[in-house]
Amino acid sequence: MPTVLTYIFDDNGHKISVLIPVKTWKALNGKYKKLKKKLSVLTGIQHGITEVKEHRSKGKSLQTSSDFLSEGNNYNKK
């Protein structure tokens, strides 16, 4: 069943709003939330890669993933 959209126009005939069924809105909003979460994760990864490149270019030492994970395990044991 296709989604029925209802457009609202101003006095000049320009679309200013649209009404959509609640079911369609919930589906779109759910997709939006998933995409927003994905964007946050990907942006974090991108930031991390940039940070690693900057540190390497300056000759700074970096923490290994093993050290990072061990640090987390020690924190959880407290």
PDB file of N, CA and C in Angstrom:
ATOM      1  N   MET A   1       0.843  -1.172   0.000  1.00  0.00           N
ATOM      2  CA  MET A   1       0.000   0.000   0.000  1.00  0.00           C
ATOM      3  C   MET A   1       0.899   1.249   0.000  1.00  0.00           C
ATOM      4  N   PRO A   2       0.773   2.102  -0.980  1.00  0.00           N
ATOM      5  CA  PRO A   2       1.624   3.287  -1.050  1.00  0.00           C
ATOM      6  C   PRO A   2       1.281   4.292   0.040  1.00  0.00           C
ATOM      7  N   THR A   3       2.305   5.032   0.457  1.00  0.00           N
ATOM      8  CA  THR A   3       2.115   6.078   1.454  1.00  0.00           C
ATOM      9  C   THR A   3       1.429   7.267   0.807  1.00  0.00           C
ATOM     10  N   VAL A   4       0.394   7.765   1.462  1.00  0.00           N
ATOM     11  CA  VAL A   4      -0.322   8.928   0.955  1.00  0.00           C
ATOM     12  C   VAL A   4       0.220  10.161   1.669  1.00  0.00           C
ATOM     13  N   LEU A   5       0.734  11.095   0.892  1.00  0.00           N
ATOM     14  CA  LEU A   5       1.241  12.339   1.449  1.00  0.00           C
ATOM     15  C   LEU A   5       0.252  13.452   1.164  1.00  0.00           C
ATOM     16  N   THR A   6       0.070  14.333   2.113  1.00  0.00           N
ATOM     17  CA  THR A   6      -0.800  15.489   1.937  1.00  0.00           C
ATOM     18  C   THR A   6       0.068  16.739   2.054  1.00  0.00           C
ATOM     19  N   TYR A   7       0.095  17.522   0.996  1.00  0.00           N
ATOM     20  CA  TYR A   7       0.904  18.737   0.987  1.00  0.00           C
ATOM     21  C   TYR A   7       0.064  19.941   1.380  1.00  0.00           C
ATOM     22  N   ILE A   8       0.694  20.874   2.066  1.00  0.00           N
ATOM     23  CA  ILE A   8       0.046  22.129   2.442  1.00  0.00           C
ATOM     24  C   ILE A   8       0.778  23.237   1.704  1.00  0.00           C
ATOM     25  N   PHE A   9       0.008  24.104   1.060  1.00  0.00           N
ATOM     26  CA  PHE A   9       0.577  25.168   0.237  1.00  0.00           C
ATOM     27  C   PHE A   9       0.289  26.532   0.857  1.00  0.00           C
ATOM     28  N   ASP A  10       1.183  27.490   0.610  1.00  0.00           N
ATOM     29  CA  ASP A  10       0.914  28.861   1.048  1.00  0.00           C
ATOM     30  C   ASP A  10       0.033  29.551  -0.005  1.00  0.00           C
ATOM     31  N   ASP A  11      -0.255  30.818   0.208  1.00  0.00           N
ATOM     32  CA  ASP A  11      -1.129  31.565  -0.696  1.00  0.00           C
ATOM     33  C   ASP A  11      -0.553  31.714  -2.106  1.00  0.00           C
ATOM     34  N   ASN A  12       0.768  31.536  -2.223  1.00  0.00           N
ATOM     35  CA  ASN A  12       1.417  31.659  -3.533  1.00  0.00           C
ATOM     36  C   ASN A  12       1.586  30.322  -4.244  1.00  0.00           C
ATOM     37  N   GLY A  13       1.060  29.262  -3.643  1.00  0.00           N
ATOM     38  CA  GLY A  13       1.145  27.942  -4.268  1.00  0.00           C
ATOM     39  C   GLY A  13       2.428  27.184  -3.983  1.00  0.00           C
ATOM     40  N   HIS A  14       3.248  27.675  -3.051  1.00  0.00           N
ATOM     41  CA  HIS A  14       4.486  26.978  -2.689  1.00  0.00           C
ATOM     42  C   HIS A  14       4.219  25.974  -1.572  1.00  0.00           C
ATOM     43  N   LYS A  15       4.817  24.773  -1.698  1.00  0.00           N
ATOM     44  CA  LYS A  15       4.671  23.769  -0.647  1.00  0.00           C
ATOM     45  C   LYS A  15       5.382  24.280   0.601  1.00  0.00           C
ATOM     46  N   ILE A  16       4.675  24.232   1.717  1.00  0.00           N
ATOM     47  CA  ILE A  16       5.273  24.686   2.975  1.00  0.00           C
ATOM     48  C   ILE A  16       5.304  23.588   4.042  1.00  0.00           C
ATOM     49  N   SER A  17       4.495  22.564   3.864  1.00  0.00           N
ATOM     50  CA  SER A  17       4.436  21.471   4.831  1.00  0.00           C
ATOM     51  C   SER A  17       3.942  20.209   4.143  1.00  0.00           C
ATOM     52  N   VAL A  18       4.166  19.103   4.834  1.00  0.00           N
ATOM     53  CA  VAL A  18       3.646  17.833   4.337  1.00  0.00           C
ATOM     54  C   VAL A  18       3.163  17.010   5.526  1.00  0.00           C
ATOM     55  N   LEU A  19       2.063  16.349   5.353  1.00  0.00           N
ATOM     56  CA  LEU A  19       1.519  15.447   6.366  1.00  0.00           C
ATOM     57  C   LEU A  19       1.761  14.021   5.888  1.00  0.00           C
ATOM     58  N   ILE A  20       2.291  13.193   6.790  1.00  0.00           N
ATOM     59  CA  ILE A  20       2.505  11.790   6.440  1.00  0.00           C
ATOM     60  C   ILE A  20       1.867  10.920   7.518  1.00  0.00           C
ATOM     61  N   PRO A  21       1.512   9.710   7.177  1.00  0.00           N
ATOM     62  CA  PRO A  21       0.928   8.812   8.184  1.00  0.00           C
ATOM     63  C   PRO A  21       1.931   8.535   9.314  1.00  0.00           C
ATOM     64  N   VAL A  22       1.418   8.345  10.518  1.00  0.00           N
ATOM     65  CA  VAL A  22       2.259   8.095  11.687  1.00  0.00           C
ATOM     66  C   VAL A  22       3.146   6.871  11.463  1.00  0.00           C
ATOM     67  N   LYS A  23       2.614   5.826  10.867  1.00  0.00           N
ATOM     68  CA  LYS A  23       3.389   4.605  10.623  1.00  0.00           C
ATOM     69  C   LYS A  23       4.611   4.914   9.747  1.00  0.00           C
ATOM     70  N   THR A  24       4.425   5.734   8.734  1.00  0.00           N
ATOM     71  CA  THR A  24       5.523   6.122   7.854  1.00  0.00           C
ATOM     72  C   THR A  24       6.522   6.978   8.616  1.00  0.00           C
ATOM     73  N   TRP A  25       6.025   7.906   9.440  1.00  0.00           N
ATOM     74  CA  TRP A  25       6.896   8.763  10.239  1.00  0.00           C
ATOM     75  C   TRP A  25       7.764   7.934  11.183  1.00  0.00           C
ATOM     76  N   LYS A  26       7.165   6.957  11.848  1.00  0.00           N
ATOM     77  CA  LYS A  26       7.924   6.109  12.776  1.00  0.00           C
ATOM     78  C   LYS A  26       9.008   5.326  12.036  1.00  0.00           C
ATOM     79  N   ALA A  27       8.691   4.823  10.861  1.00  0.00           N
ATOM     80  CA  ALA A  27       9.680   4.088  10.071  1.00  0.00           C
ATOM     81  C   ALA A  27      10.828   5.008   9.648  1.00  0.00           C
ATOM     82  N   LEU A  28      10.500   6.201   9.173  1.00  0.00           N
ATOM     83  CA  LEU A  28      11.531   7.162   8.772  1.00  0.00           C
ATOM     84  C   LEU A  28      12.374   7.606   9.962  1.00  0.00           C
ATOM     85  N   ASN A  29      11.731   7.846  11.077  1.00  0.00           N
ATOM     86  CA  ASN A  29      12.445   8.273  12.273  1.00  0.00           C
ATOM     87  C   ASN A  29      13.378   7.170  12.772  1.00  0.00           C
ATOM     88  N   GLY A  30      12.942   5.924  12.693  1.00  0.00           N
ATOM     89  CA  GLY A  30      13.790   4.798  13.082  1.00  0.00           C
ATOM     90  C   GLY A  30      15.023   4.707  12.201  1.00  0.00           C
ATOM     91  N   LYS A  31      14.836   4.876  10.895  1.00  0.00           N
ATOM     92  CA  LYS A  31      15.966   4.851   9.969  1.00  0.00           C
ATOM     93  C   LYS A  31      16.911   6.014  10.253  1.00  0.00           C
ATOM     94  N   TYR A  32      16.353   7.176  10.552  1.00  0.00           N
ATOM     95  CA  TYR A  32      17.149   8.357  10.856  1.00  0.00           C
ATOM     96  C   TYR A  32      18.030   8.104  12.087  1.00  0.00           C
ATOM     97  N   LYS A  33      17.441   7.517  13.138  1.00  0.00           N
ATOM     98  CA  LYS A  33      18.201   7.262  14.359  1.00  0.00           C
ATOM     99  C   LYS A  33      19.345   6.280  14.100  1.00  0.00           C
ATOM    100  N   LYS A  34      19.095   5.249  13.290  1.00  0.00           N
ATOM    101  CA  LYS A  34      20.151   4.284  12.956  1.00  0.00           C
ATOM    102  C   LYS A  34      21.260   4.949  12.154  1.00  0.00           C
ATOM    103  N   LEU A  35      20.889   5.787  11.194  1.00  0.00           N
ATOM    104  CA  LEU A  35      21.895   6.484  10.390  1.00  0.00           C
ATOM    105  C   LEU A  35      22.693   7.467  11.235  1.00  0.00           C
ATOM    106  N   LYS A  36      22.036   8.127  12.176  1.00  0.00           N
ATOM    107  CA  LYS A  36      22.715   9.075  13.053  1.00  0.00           C
ATOM    108  C   LYS A  36      23.744   8.344  13.921  1.00  0.00           C
ATOM    109  N   LYS A  37      23.376   7.179  14.430  1.00  0.00           N
ATOM    110  CA  LYS A  37      24.286   6.379  15.245  1.00  0.00           C
ATOM    111  C   LYS A  37      25.471   5.905  14.396  1.00  0.00           C
ATOM    112  N   LYS A  38      25.187   5.461  13.165  1.00  0.00           N
ATOM    113  CA  LYS A  38      26.242   5.007  12.261  1.00  0.00           C
ATOM    114  C   LYS A  38      27.199   6.150  11.942  1.00  0.00           C
ATOM    115  N   LEU A  39      26.660   7.335  11.691  1.00  0.00           N
ATOM    116  CA  LEU A  39      27.487   8.499  11.405  1.00  0.00           C
ATOM    117  C   LEU A  39      28.386   8.824  12.596  1.00  0.00           C
ATOM    118  N   SER A  40      27.865   8.708  13.791  1.00  0.00           N
ATOM    119  CA  SER A  40      28.643   8.975  14.993  1.00  0.00           C
ATOM    120  C   SER A  40      29.822   8.004  15.102  1.00  0.00           C
ATOM    121  N   VAL A  41      29.565   6.729  14.854  1.00  0.00           N
ATOM    122  CA  VAL A  41      30.626   5.724  14.908  1.00  0.00           C
ATOM    123  C   VAL A  41      31.684   5.997  13.830  1.00  0.00           C
ATOM    124  N   LEU A  42      31.243   6.239  12.609  1.00  0.00           N
ATOM    125  CA  LEU A  42      32.179   6.481  11.516  1.00  0.00           C
ATOM    126  C   LEU A  42      32.980   7.764  11.732  1.00  0.00           C
ATOM    127  N   THR A  43      32.350   8.787  12.276  1.00  0.00           N
ATOM    128  CA  THR A  43      33.058  10.031  12.576  1.00  0.00           C
ATOM    129  C   THR A  43      34.115   9.794  13.653  1.00  0.00           C
ATOM    130  N   GLY A  44      33.784   8.991  14.636  1.00  0.00           N
ATOM    131  CA  GLY A  44      34.749   8.635  15.684  1.00  0.00           C
ATOM    132  C   GLY A  44      35.945   7.892  15.117  1.00  0.00           C
ATOM    133  N   ILE A  45      35.689   6.954  14.213  1.00  0.00           N
ATOM    134  CA  ILE A  45      36.773   6.209  13.568  1.00  0.00           C
ATOM    135  C   ILE A  45      37.644   7.161  12.755  1.00  0.00           C
ATOM    136  N   GLN A  46      37.009   8.035  12.001  1.00  0.00           N
ATOM    137  CA  GLN A  46      37.746   9.012  11.193  1.00  0.00           C
ATOM    138  C   GLN A  46      38.613   9.905  12.079  1.00  0.00           C
ATOM    139  N   HIS A  47      38.070  10.343  13.192  1.00  0.00           N
ATOM    140  CA  HIS A  47      38.827  11.181  14.128  1.00  0.00           C
ATOM    141  C   HIS A  47      40.032  10.400  14.662  1.00  0.00           C
ATOM    142  N   GLY A  48      39.817   9.140  15.005  1.00  0.00           N
ATOM    143  CA  GLY A  48      40.896   8.303  15.522  1.00  0.00           C
ATOM    144  C   GLY A  48      42.018   8.115  14.504  1.00  0.00           C
ATOM    145  N   ILE A  49      41.642   7.877  13.264  1.00  0.00           N
ATOM    146  CA  ILE A  49      42.645   7.704  12.203  1.00  0.00           C
ATOM    147  C   ILE A  49      43.448   8.986  12.022  1.00  0.00           C
ATOM    148  N   THR A  50      42.772  10.122  12.035  1.00  0.00           N
ATOM    149  CA  THR A  50      43.452  11.418  11.912  1.00  0.00           C
ATOM    150  C   THR A  50      44.416  11.623  13.071  1.00  0.00           C
ATOM    151  N   GLU A  51      43.980  11.278  14.263  1.00  0.00           N
ATOM    152  CA  GLU A  51      44.821  11.433  15.450  1.00  0.00           C
ATOM    153  C   GLU A  51      46.067  10.552  15.357  1.00  0.00           C
ATOM    154  N   VAL A  52      45.913   9.327  14.903  1.00  0.00           N
ATOM    155  CA  VAL A  52      47.054   8.417  14.753  1.00  0.00           C
ATOM    156  C   VAL A  52      48.039   8.985  13.731  1.00  0.00           C
ATOM    157  N   LYS A  53      47.529   9.453  12.598  1.00  0.00           N
ATOM    158  CA  LYS A  53      48.398  10.033  11.569  1.00  0.00           C
ATOM    159  C   LYS A  53      49.174  11.226  12.113  1.00  0.00           C
ATOM    160  N   GLU A  54      48.504  12.088  12.880  1.00  0.00           N
ATOM    161  CA  GLU A  54      49.163  13.263  13.461  1.00  0.00           C
ATOM    162  C   GLU A  54      50.267  12.847  14.426  1.00  0.00           C
ATOM    163  N   HIS A  55      49.979  11.876  15.290  1.00  0.00           N
ATOM    164  CA  HIS A  55      50.970  11.411  16.253  1.00  0.00           C
ATOM    165  C   HIS A  55      52.168  10.782  15.542  1.00  0.00           C
ATOM    166  N   ARG A  56      51.892   9.978  14.535  1.00  0.00           N
ATOM    167  CA  ARG A  56      52.990   9.336  13.797  1.00  0.00           C
ATOM    168  C   ARG A  56      53.853  10.364  13.080  1.00  0.00           C
ATOM    169  N   SER A  57      53.218  11.377  12.507  1.00  0.00           N
ATOM    170  CA  SER A  57      53.988  12.396  11.784  1.00  0.00           C
ATOM    171  C   SER A  57      54.879  13.204  12.722  1.00  0.00           C
ATOM    172  N   LYS A  58      54.504  13.268  13.993  1.00  0.00           N
ATOM    173  CA  LYS A  58      55.296  13.998  14.982  1.00  0.00           C
ATOM    174  C   LYS A  58      56.244  13.078  15.745  1.00  0.00           C
ATOM    175  N   GLY A  59      56.236  11.782  15.398  1.00  0.00           N
ATOM    176  CA  GLY A  59      57.122  10.820  16.045  1.00  0.00           C
ATOM    177  C   GLY A  59      56.702  10.444  17.449  1.00  0.00           C
ATOM    178  N   LYS A  60      55.476  10.714  17.816  1.00  0.00           N
ATOM    179  CA  LYS A  60      54.994  10.369  19.155  1.00  0.00           C
ATOM    180  C   LYS A  60      54.649   8.883  19.210  1.00  0.00           C
ATOM    181  N   SER A  61      54.884   8.284  20.381  1.00  0.00           N
ATOM    182  CA  SER A  61      54.539   6.863  20.528  1.00  0.00           C
ATOM    183  C   SER A  61      53.038   6.735  20.774  1.00  0.00           C
ATOM    184  N   LEU A  62      52.510   5.620  20.372  1.00  0.00           N
ATOM    185  CA  LEU A  62      51.069   5.370  20.490  1.00  0.00           C
ATOM    186  C   LEU A  62      50.837   4.152  21.374  1.00  0.00           C
ATOM    187  N   GLN A  63      49.721   4.148  22.048  1.00  0.00           N
ATOM    188  CA  GLN A  63      49.334   3.006  22.865  1.00  0.00           C
ATOM    189  C   GLN A  63      48.888   1.875  21.945  1.00  0.00           C
ATOM    190  N   THR A  64      49.303   0.648  22.251  1.00  0.00           N
ATOM    191  CA  THR A  64      48.871  -0.493  21.438  1.00  0.00           C
ATOM    192  C   THR A  64      47.443  -0.868  21.813  1.00  0.00           C
ATOM    193  N   SER A  65      46.794  -1.575  20.917  1.00  0.00           N
ATOM    194  CA  SER A  65      45.421  -2.015  21.208  1.00  0.00           C
ATOM    195  C   SER A  65      45.406  -2.993  22.383  1.00  0.00           C
ATOM    196  N   SER A  66      46.444  -3.821  22.501  1.00  0.00           N
ATOM    197  CA  SER A  66      46.536  -4.764  23.628  1.00  0.00           C
ATOM    198  C   SER A  66      46.611  -4.014  24.950  1.00  0.00           C
ATOM    199  N   ASP A  67      47.456  -2.961  24.991  1.00  0.00           N
ATOM    200  CA  ASP A  67      47.565  -2.156  26.214  1.00  0.00           C
ATOM    201  C   ASP A  67      46.229  -1.486  26.537  1.00  0.00           C
ATOM    202  N   PHE A  68      45.582  -0.978  25.513  1.00  0.00           N
ATOM    203  CA  PHE A  68      44.298  -0.310  25.707  1.00  0.00           C
ATOM    204  C   PHE A  68      43.270  -1.276  26.284  1.00  0.00           C
ATOM    205  N   LEU A  69      43.203  -2.482  25.715  1.00  0.00           N
ATOM    206  CA  LEU A  69      42.235  -3.469  26.190  1.00  0.00           C
ATOM    207  C   LEU A  69      42.575  -3.941  27.603  1.00  0.00           C
ATOM    208  N   SER A  70      43.859  -4.108  27.900  1.00  0.00           N
ATOM    209  CA  SER A  70      44.273  -4.512  29.245  1.00  0.00           C
ATOM    210  C   SER A  70      43.894  -3.441  30.261  1.00  0.00           C
ATOM    211  N   GLU A  71      44.079  -2.194  29.864  1.00  0.00           N
ATOM    212  CA  GLU A  71      43.725  -1.069  30.730  1.00  0.00           C
ATOM    213  C   GLU A  71      42.234  -1.116  31.072  1.00  0.00           C
ATOM    214  N   GLY A  72      41.416  -1.427  30.081  1.00  0.00           N
ATOM    215  CA  GLY A  72      39.966  -1.537  30.302  1.00  0.00           C
ATOM    216  C   GLY A  72      39.613  -2.685  31.214  1.00  0.00           C
ATOM    217  N   ASN A  73      40.306  -3.807  31.042  1.00  0.00           N
ATOM    218  CA  ASN A  73      40.054  -4.964  31.895  1.00  0.00           C
ATOM    219  C   ASN A  73      40.433  -4.665  33.338  1.00  0.00           C
ATOM    220  N   ASN A  74      41.537  -3.962  33.530  1.00  0.00           N
ATOM    221  CA  ASN A  74      41.962  -3.614  34.896  1.00  0.00           C
ATOM    222  C   ASN A  74      40.967  -2.652  35.526  1.00  0.00           C
ATOM    223  N   TYR A  75      40.408  -1.759  34.758  1.00  0.00           N
ATOM    224  CA  TYR A  75      39.430  -0.804  35.271  1.00  0.00           C
ATOM    225  C   TYR A  75      38.167  -1.529  35.741  1.00  0.00           C
ATOM    226  N   ASN A  76      37.731  -2.536  34.954  1.00  0.00           N
ATOM    227  CA  ASN A  76      36.501  -3.265  35.299  1.00  0.00           C
ATOM    228  C   ASN A  76      36.657  -4.115  36.551  1.00  0.00           C
ATOM    229  N   LYS A  77      37.896  -4.471  36.920  1.00  0.00           N
ATOM    230  CA  LYS A  77      38.133  -5.315  38.084  1.00  0.00           C
ATOM    231  C   LYS A  77      38.085  -4.539  39.388  1.00  0.00           C
ATOM    232  N   LYS A  78      38.138  -3.212  39.306  1.00  0.00           N
ATOM    233  CA  LYS A  78      38.150  -2.373  40.515  1.00  0.00           C
ATOM    234  C   LYS A  78      36.821  -2.377  41.197  1.00  0.00           C
TER     235      LYS A  78
END
